[in-house]
Amino acid sequence: MYLTLADILLVTSILQSLALAAFLLLPETFRLVSNRLLAASVLTFAAGLGEVFLYSTGLALEHPNLAYVGTLIGLLQASLLYLYAKSLMYRDFRLVPGHAIHSLLFWVVSAIFVVEYYLQPDEVKRQILMSRDHPGVLTSPLLAAAIHLVVLGYLCATIRQLSCFGTTIRQLFSNTENKQLAWLRTLLIGYACVWTVSLLYCLSAHVFKSSASAQWVSAIGAVTGFLFINYLIIHALRQPIIFSGLSAEEMRLAQSDDDPAETIDGIASALLHRLEAHMLEARPYLDANLSVEQLARQLGVPARELSRTINQGLEKNFFEFISDYRIAEARRRLQAADAGTTILQVMYDSGFNSKSVFNTAFKKATGMTPSAYRARS
């Protein structure tokens, strides 16, 4: 059997997916719910790539009973990614029987395939395979559209939750680096774009029949699969070490800021004055990992009260509030620094621990980069 470059990429991606899943299922990594969900997700991804491989190499026609198995298993991936994202966002996330509802697409489509394909004679199965224009989808454009729309719905819902999570993080922490799950959001946005293109192709393939375009499906699937699994390997394995998610108390604290019934009537000016005095005298913002809970303990007030006072009294989230003090500190240090002091040292001394965050915040506040600001001073 002759393998094209696309076939080799598919096999490589499948092997990488299986290797990642095997690692995640080792005893020392299996204990984390996020790792179990990620392992299940990459296995379903490998199954989907396997379907494309069978289609590309013609093995599906030789073994018609293997056709569509990868497609059906792959239908679980979007919902597993949704649950995986939740397990990363929330430290106390646990799988419960109610989560089985997310496998509904798999069961419904499997029932359709059993009736329309698997119960048919082998000759009829081969005719179905030869008449299809997209790997893993029956000839019905309605079924193809329905599958794509459900998957896209899950991906969009996950992306939206990750965006809301990023906003929540900024209410609680002064250092959001490696906490916002931006890597996963970027990955899912790209994946959603691929599924959108796939949906458009599926619909157009029923109008414009083309064997050449069908070959492109395998090539695009191979490239997409290779990029997806390698991006996932690079970032996902670091995630449990970087950030373990929000605790139940942190979730309640963030939610209290969004509760309209909790608005402050006549902001506690005394607390604002105490806060300002403490920031100027103790300079807690120099702690790169300062959180709203830590600052509340220093002031001897409930974290919920402090968070609401900053959000509603100053109309800033906690991240912006601390960043303003750090930028002011950096400006003072840049003006007073001698020739041997580097901008990187000023950054660390001012409470920042990310060069990209520092440069972005500094330019937003001053309209120039730190190096240009020092040169002007």
Protein backbone atom coordinates (compact mmCIF):
# COMPACT_ATOMS: atom_id res chain seq x y z
CA MET A 1 0.00 0.00 0.00
CA TYR A 2 1.40 3.38 -1.06
CA LEU A 3 1.24 6.13 1.58
CA THR A 4 1.10 9.80 0.64
CA LEU A 5 2.55 12.60 2.75
CA ALA A 6 -0.94 13.24 4.13
CA ASP A 7 -1.22 9.58 5.16
CA ILE A 8 2.14 9.76 6.95
CA LEU A 9 1.05 12.89 8.81
CA LEU A 10 -2.16 11.15 9.82
CA VAL A 11 -0.31 8.12 11.16
CA THR A 12 2.14 10.38 13.01
CA SER A 13 -0.67 12.34 14.63
CA ILE A 14 -2.50 9.16 15.61
CA LEU A 15 0.63 7.73 17.23
CA GLN A 16 1.29 11.00 19.06
CA SER A 17 -2.30 11.02 20.34
CA LEU A 18 -2.01 7.45 21.59
CA ALA A 19 1.33 8.19 23.26
CA LEU A 20 -0.10 11.27 25.01
CA ALA A 21 -3.15 9.31 26.17
CA ALA A 22 -0.92 6.51 27.50
CA PHE A 23 1.14 9.02 29.46
CA LEU A 24 -1.96 10.66 30.93
CA LEU A 25 -3.27 7.28 32.04
CA LEU A 26 -0.17 6.41 34.04
CA PRO A 27 -0.86 6.03 37.81
CA GLU A 28 0.92 9.28 38.75
CA THR A 29 -1.05 11.37 36.24
CA PHE A 30 -4.35 9.47 36.16
CA ARG A 31 -5.45 10.87 39.56
CA LEU A 32 -6.26 14.28 38.04
CA VAL A 33 -9.74 14.54 36.51
CA SER A 34 -8.38 16.93 33.88
CA ASN A 35 -5.82 14.34 32.77
CA ARG A 36 -8.46 11.62 32.44
CA LEU A 37 -10.67 13.90 30.37
CA LEU A 38 -7.76 14.97 28.20
CA ALA A 39 -6.77 11.33 27.65
CA ALA A 40 -10.32 10.49 26.57
CA SER A 41 -10.38 13.54 24.30
CA VAL A 42 -7.14 12.71 22.48
CA LEU A 43 -8.28 9.10 22.04
CA THR A 44 -11.47 10.29 20.35
CA PHE A 45 -9.34 12.65 18.25
CA ALA A 46 -7.13 9.73 17.21
CA ALA A 47 -10.25 7.77 16.25
CA GLY A 48 -11.43 10.63 14.04
CA LEU A 49 -8.04 10.80 12.32
CA GLY A 50 -8.20 7.02 11.88
CA GLU A 51 -11.44 7.45 9.93
CA VAL A 52 -9.75 9.93 7.59
CA PHE A 53 -6.82 7.51 7.18
CA LEU A 54 -9.13 4.64 6.22
CA TYR A 55 -10.85 6.93 3.72
CA SER A 56 -7.59 8.25 2.27
CA THR A 57 -5.93 4.85 1.78
CA GLY A 58 -9.02 3.01 0.52
CA LEU A 59 -8.96 0.59 3.47
CA ALA A 60 -12.54 1.50 4.28
CA LEU A 61 -13.71 -0.21 1.08
CA GLU A 62 -11.70 -3.32 1.92
CA HIS A 63 -13.03 -3.44 5.47
CA PRO A 64 -16.45 -1.74 5.36
CA ASN A 65 -17.30 -2.79 8.92
CA LEU A 66 -14.49 -0.55 10.19
CA ALA A 67 -15.86 2.49 8.37
CA TYR A 68 -17.54 5.17 10.47
CA VAL A 69 -16.27 3.72 13.77
CA GLY A 70 -13.74 6.56 14.05
CA THR A 71 -16.39 9.10 13.15
CA LEU A 72 -18.75 7.88 15.85
CA ILE A 73 -16.08 7.84 18.55
CA GLY A 74 -14.87 11.25 17.36
CA LEU A 75 -18.32 12.72 18.06
CA LEU A 76 -17.44 12.63 21.77
CA GLN A 77 -14.44 14.92 21.40
CA ALA A 78 -16.14 18.32 21.49
CA SER A 79 -18.09 17.52 24.66
CA LEU A 80 -14.97 16.05 26.29
CA LEU A 81 -13.05 19.24 25.50
CA TYR A 82 -15.89 21.19 27.10
CA LEU A 83 -15.61 19.13 30.29
CA TYR A 84 -11.81 19.28 30.14
CA ALA A 85 -11.93 23.08 30.07
CA LYS A 86 -14.23 23.10 33.11
CA SER A 87 -11.88 20.77 34.98
CA LEU A 88 -9.02 23.22 34.35
CA MET A 89 -11.04 26.26 35.38
CA TYR A 90 -12.47 24.87 38.62
CA ARG A 91 -10.34 23.04 41.16
CA ASP A 92 -13.28 21.16 42.70
CA PHE A 93 -14.72 19.92 39.40
CA ARG A 94 -15.82 16.28 39.52
CA LEU A 95 -17.46 14.02 36.98
CA VAL A 96 -21.06 13.16 37.91
CA PRO A 97 -23.70 10.95 36.24
CA GLY A 98 -25.42 14.05 34.87
CA HIS A 99 -22.46 14.69 32.58
CA ALA A 100 -23.59 11.67 30.52
CA ILE A 101 -25.99 14.04 28.74
CA HIS A 102 -22.98 15.31 26.79
CA SER A 103 -22.75 11.93 25.02
CA LEU A 104 -26.23 12.34 23.52
CA LEU A 105 -24.93 13.22 20.03
CA PHE A 106 -22.88 10.00 20.01
CA TRP A 107 -25.86 7.80 20.87
CA VAL A 108 -28.29 9.45 18.46
CA VAL A 109 -25.92 9.36 15.48
CA SER A 110 -24.80 5.81 16.35
CA ALA A 111 -28.41 4.65 16.20
CA ILE A 112 -28.79 6.25 12.76
CA PHE A 113 -25.59 4.60 11.51
CA VAL A 114 -26.62 1.19 12.82
CA VAL A 115 -29.88 1.32 10.88
CA GLU A 116 -28.63 3.10 7.76
CA TYR A 117 -25.25 1.39 7.44
CA TYR A 118 -24.17 -1.41 9.80
CA LEU A 119 -27.30 -3.55 9.32
CA GLN A 120 -26.89 -3.42 5.53
CA PRO A 121 -25.14 -6.15 3.46
CA ASP A 122 -21.46 -5.58 2.71
CA GLU A 123 -22.19 -4.75 -0.92
CA VAL A 124 -24.61 -2.00 0.10
CA LYS A 125 -22.04 -0.69 2.59
CA ARG A 126 -19.45 -0.40 -0.18
CA GLN A 127 -21.93 1.45 -2.40
CA ILE A 128 -22.56 3.91 0.44
CA LEU A 129 -18.82 4.41 0.93
CA MET A 130 -18.22 4.97 -2.78
CA SER A 131 -21.03 7.53 -3.02
CA ARG A 132 -19.95 9.71 -0.09
CA ASP A 133 -18.00 12.92 -0.57
CA HIS A 134 -16.71 13.39 2.95
CA PRO A 135 -14.96 10.86 5.19
CA GLY A 136 -17.10 9.61 8.03
CA VAL A 137 -20.41 11.15 6.95
CA LEU A 138 -23.33 9.44 5.27
CA THR A 139 -24.65 10.85 2.01
CA SER A 140 -27.31 12.90 3.83
CA PRO A 141 -26.39 16.62 3.86
CA LEU A 142 -28.85 17.14 6.73
CA LEU A 143 -26.98 14.67 8.95
CA ALA A 144 -23.64 16.22 8.03
CA ALA A 145 -24.89 19.70 8.86
CA ALA A 146 -26.45 18.57 12.15
CA ILE A 147 -23.21 16.91 13.32
CA HIS A 148 -21.13 19.95 12.44
CA LEU A 149 -23.52 22.39 14.09
CA VAL A 150 -23.58 20.44 17.36
CA VAL A 151 -19.78 20.24 17.43
CA LEU A 152 -19.49 23.95 16.65
CA GLY A 153 -22.02 24.67 19.39
CA TYR A 154 -19.85 22.87 21.94
CA LEU A 155 -16.69 24.60 20.75
CA CYS A 156 -18.32 28.04 20.88
CA ALA A 157 -19.74 27.36 24.36
CA THR A 158 -16.30 26.30 25.59
CA ILE A 159 -14.62 29.37 24.06
CA ARG A 160 -17.23 31.62 25.70
CA GLN A 161 -16.65 30.01 29.11
CA LEU A 162 -12.90 30.46 28.75
CA SER A 163 -13.40 34.15 27.93
CA CYS A 164 -15.59 34.63 31.02
CA PHE A 165 -13.00 32.76 33.07
CA GLY A 166 -10.31 35.19 31.92
CA THR A 167 -12.43 38.09 33.19
CA THR A 168 -12.93 36.34 36.53
CA ILE A 169 -9.20 35.76 36.96
CA ARG A 170 -8.54 39.49 36.63
CA GLN A 171 -10.90 40.14 39.56
CA LEU A 172 -8.89 37.89 41.87
CA PHE A 173 -5.22 37.99 40.92
CA SER A 174 -2.62 40.61 40.11
CA ASN A 175 -0.63 38.08 38.11
CA THR A 176 -2.76 36.46 35.41
CA GLU A 177 0.11 34.97 33.44
CA ASN A 178 -0.53 31.24 32.85
CA LYS A 179 -3.92 31.42 34.58
CA GLN A 180 -6.25 32.53 31.80
CA LEU A 181 -6.02 29.34 29.70
CA ALA A 182 -5.42 31.53 26.65
CA TRP A 183 -3.62 28.63 24.96
CA LEU A 184 -6.75 26.46 25.10
CA ARG A 185 -8.97 29.29 23.88
CA THR A 186 -6.63 29.88 20.91
CA LEU A 187 -6.60 26.17 20.12
CA LEU A 188 -10.40 25.92 20.18
CA ILE A 189 -10.87 29.05 18.07
CA GLY A 190 -8.64 27.55 15.41
CA TYR A 191 -10.43 24.22 15.69
CA ALA A 192 -13.82 25.92 15.35
CA CYS A 193 -12.60 27.63 12.17
CA VAL A 194 -11.60 24.25 10.73
CA TRP A 195 -15.01 22.77 11.57
CA THR A 196 -16.70 25.78 9.95
CA VAL A 197 -14.74 25.22 6.75
CA SER A 198 -15.58 21.51 6.95
CA LEU A 199 -19.29 22.35 7.27
CA LEU A 200 -19.15 24.56 4.20
CA TYR A 201 -17.33 21.83 2.29
CA CYS A 202 -19.84 19.16 3.31
CA LEU A 203 -22.72 21.28 2.09
CA SER A 204 -21.05 22.27 -1.17
CA ALA A 205 -19.89 18.70 -1.87
CA HIS A 206 -23.51 17.66 -2.36
CA VAL A 207 -23.92 20.33 -5.03
CA PHE A 208 -20.51 20.20 -6.74
CA LYS A 209 -19.29 16.59 -6.88
CA SER A 210 -15.51 16.47 -7.11
CA SER A 211 -13.08 13.64 -6.41
CA ALA A 212 -10.20 16.12 -6.37
CA SER A 213 -11.81 18.12 -3.57
CA ALA A 214 -12.34 14.89 -1.65
CA GLN A 215 -8.57 14.33 -1.71
CA TRP A 216 -8.09 17.76 -0.21
CA VAL A 217 -10.19 16.69 2.77
CA SER A 218 -7.59 14.10 3.72
CA ALA A 219 -4.74 16.57 3.27
CA ILE A 220 -6.43 19.27 5.34
CA GLY A 221 -7.39 16.72 7.99
CA ALA A 222 -3.80 15.50 8.19
CA VAL A 223 -2.33 18.99 8.58
CA THR A 224 -5.01 20.06 11.05
CA GLY A 225 -4.57 16.92 13.10
CA PHE A 226 -0.80 17.29 13.23
CA LEU A 227 -0.98 20.94 14.33
CA PHE A 228 -3.75 20.26 16.86
CA ILE A 229 -2.09 17.38 18.69
CA ASN A 230 1.35 19.02 18.80
CA TYR A 231 -0.05 22.30 20.11
CA LEU A 232 -1.97 20.32 22.71
CA ILE A 233 1.10 18.35 23.79
CA ILE A 234 3.19 21.50 24.21
CA HIS A 235 0.67 23.31 26.41
CA ALA A 236 -1.58 20.76 28.10
CA LEU A 237 1.17 18.87 29.93
CA ARG A 238 2.31 22.08 31.63
CA GLN A 239 -1.16 23.17 32.74
CA PRO A 240 -1.62 21.14 35.97
CA ILE A 241 1.72 22.48 37.25
CA ILE A 242 1.05 26.08 36.30
CA PHE A 243 -2.44 26.56 37.70
CA SER A 244 -4.84 24.15 39.40
CA GLY A 245 -8.04 26.17 38.85
CA LEU A 246 -10.25 28.31 41.05
CA SER A 247 -11.32 27.04 44.44
CA ALA A 248 -14.96 27.11 45.55
CA GLU A 249 -14.24 30.13 47.75
CA GLU A 250 -12.59 32.03 44.90
CA MET A 251 -15.56 31.27 42.67
CA ARG A 252 -17.98 32.65 45.27
CA LEU A 253 -15.81 35.72 45.68
CA ALA A 254 -15.80 36.41 41.93
CA GLN A 255 -19.54 35.78 41.60
CA SER A 256 -20.34 38.24 44.39
CA ASP A 257 -18.91 41.07 42.27
CA ASP A 258 -21.43 40.32 39.52
CA ASP A 259 -24.46 40.08 41.80
CA PRO A 260 -26.69 43.15 41.21
CA ALA A 261 -28.19 42.68 44.66
CA GLU A 262 -24.76 43.20 46.20
CA THR A 263 -24.14 46.71 44.87
CA ILE A 264 -22.71 49.16 47.37
CA ASP A 265 -24.94 52.07 48.32
CA GLY A 266 -22.56 54.91 49.16
CA ILE A 267 -19.13 53.34 48.72
CA ALA A 268 -17.24 52.79 51.99
CA SER A 269 -14.92 55.76 51.64
CA ALA A 270 -13.14 54.80 54.86
CA LEU A 271 -12.03 51.51 53.33
CA LEU A 272 -10.90 53.27 50.16
CA HIS A 273 -8.78 55.67 52.23
CA ARG A 274 -7.31 52.77 54.23
CA LEU A 275 -6.58 50.92 51.02
CA GLU A 276 -4.82 53.89 49.44
CA ALA A 277 -2.74 54.51 52.57
CA HIS A 278 -1.76 50.84 52.77
CA MET A 279 -0.75 50.73 49.10
CA LEU A 280 1.48 53.79 49.55
CA GLU A 281 3.05 52.76 52.86
CA ALA A 282 3.37 48.94 52.64
CA ARG A 283 3.62 48.72 48.82
CA PRO A 284 2.07 45.21 48.67
CA TYR A 285 1.94 45.46 44.89
CA LEU A 286 5.65 44.62 44.80
CA ASP A 287 4.63 41.01 45.49
CA ALA A 288 4.28 39.60 41.98
CA ASN A 289 1.74 36.99 43.13
CA LEU A 290 -0.46 39.26 45.23
CA SER A 291 -4.12 38.20 45.26
CA VAL A 292 -7.23 39.98 46.46
CA GLU A 293 -7.48 37.53 49.38
CA GLN A 294 -3.92 38.29 50.51
CA LEU A 295 -4.50 42.04 50.33
CA ALA A 296 -7.77 41.67 52.27
CA ARG A 297 -5.95 39.80 55.04
CA GLN A 298 -3.37 42.58 55.24
CA LEU A 299 -6.17 45.12 55.70
CA GLY A 300 -8.16 42.91 58.05
CA VAL A 301 -11.35 43.04 55.96
CA PRO A 302 -13.37 40.35 54.15
CA ALA A 303 -12.05 39.67 50.65
CA ARG A 304 -15.57 39.99 49.30
CA GLU A 305 -15.90 43.52 50.67
CA LEU A 306 -12.51 44.59 49.35
CA SER A 307 -13.16 43.14 45.90
CA ARG A 308 -16.54 44.89 45.60
CA THR A 309 -15.06 48.17 46.83
CA ILE A 310 -12.32 48.09 44.17
CA ASN A 311 -14.71 47.05 41.39
CA GLN A 312 -17.53 49.44 42.21
CA GLY A 313 -15.74 52.22 44.06
CA LEU A 314 -12.78 52.56 41.68
CA GLU A 315 -14.45 51.01 38.62
CA LYS A 316 -11.46 48.73 38.08
CA ASN A 317 -10.85 45.06 38.49
CA PHE A 318 -8.16 43.90 40.90
CA PHE A 319 -5.62 43.25 38.14
CA GLU A 320 -5.98 46.80 36.75
CA PHE A 321 -5.87 48.31 40.24
CA ILE A 322 -2.55 46.64 41.13
CA SER A 323 -1.11 47.19 37.65
CA ASP A 324 -1.59 50.97 37.98
CA TYR A 325 0.55 51.03 41.13
CA ARG A 326 3.21 48.84 39.53
CA ILE A 327 3.40 51.08 36.46
CA ALA A 328 3.79 54.15 38.71
CA GLU A 329 6.57 52.33 40.57
CA ALA A 330 8.28 51.38 37.32
CA ARG A 331 8.15 54.98 36.08
CA ARG A 332 9.79 56.21 39.29
CA ARG A 333 12.48 53.56 39.09
CA LEU A 334 13.20 54.27 35.42
CA GLN A 335 13.63 57.96 36.13
CA ALA A 336 15.98 57.32 39.05
CA ALA A 337 17.84 54.29 37.66
CA ASP A 338 21.55 54.52 36.92
CA ALA A 339 23.07 53.45 33.62
CA GLY A 340 23.79 49.92 34.83
CA THR A 341 20.18 49.11 35.76
CA THR A 342 18.36 47.07 33.12
CA ILE A 343 14.70 47.49 32.23
CA LEU A 344 14.21 43.84 33.11
CA GLN A 345 15.44 44.51 36.64
CA VAL A 346 13.10 47.49 36.94
CA MET A 347 10.25 45.27 35.78
CA TYR A 348 10.89 42.67 38.48
CA ASP A 349 11.50 45.29 41.17
CA SER A 350 8.14 46.89 40.34
CA GLY A 351 6.18 43.68 40.91
CA PHE A 352 5.82 42.42 37.34
CA ASN A 353 7.06 38.96 36.37
CA SER A 354 6.06 38.93 32.70
CA LYS A 355 7.82 41.04 30.10
CA SER A 356 4.89 41.00 27.69
CA VAL A 357 2.39 42.07 30.38
CA PHE A 358 4.77 44.80 31.59
CA ASN A 359 5.39 46.23 28.13
CA THR A 360 1.69 46.18 27.23
CA ALA A 361 0.60 47.83 30.48
CA PHE A 362 3.41 50.41 30.37
CA LYS A 363 2.68 51.45 26.80
CA LYS A 364 -1.04 51.68 27.55
CA ALA A 365 -0.37 53.97 30.51
CA THR A 366 2.36 56.17 29.02
CA GLY A 367 2.00 55.83 25.26
CA MET A 368 5.60 54.63 24.90
CA THR A 369 7.78 51.62 25.60
CA PRO A 370 9.83 51.43 28.84
CA SER A 371 13.09 51.94 26.91
CA ALA A 372 11.73 55.04 25.15
CA TYR A 373 10.44 56.38 28.46
CA ARG A 374 13.83 56.00 30.11
CA ALA A 375 15.59 57.60 27.16
CA ARG A 376 13.28 60.62 27.43
CA SER A 377 13.67 60.96 31.21
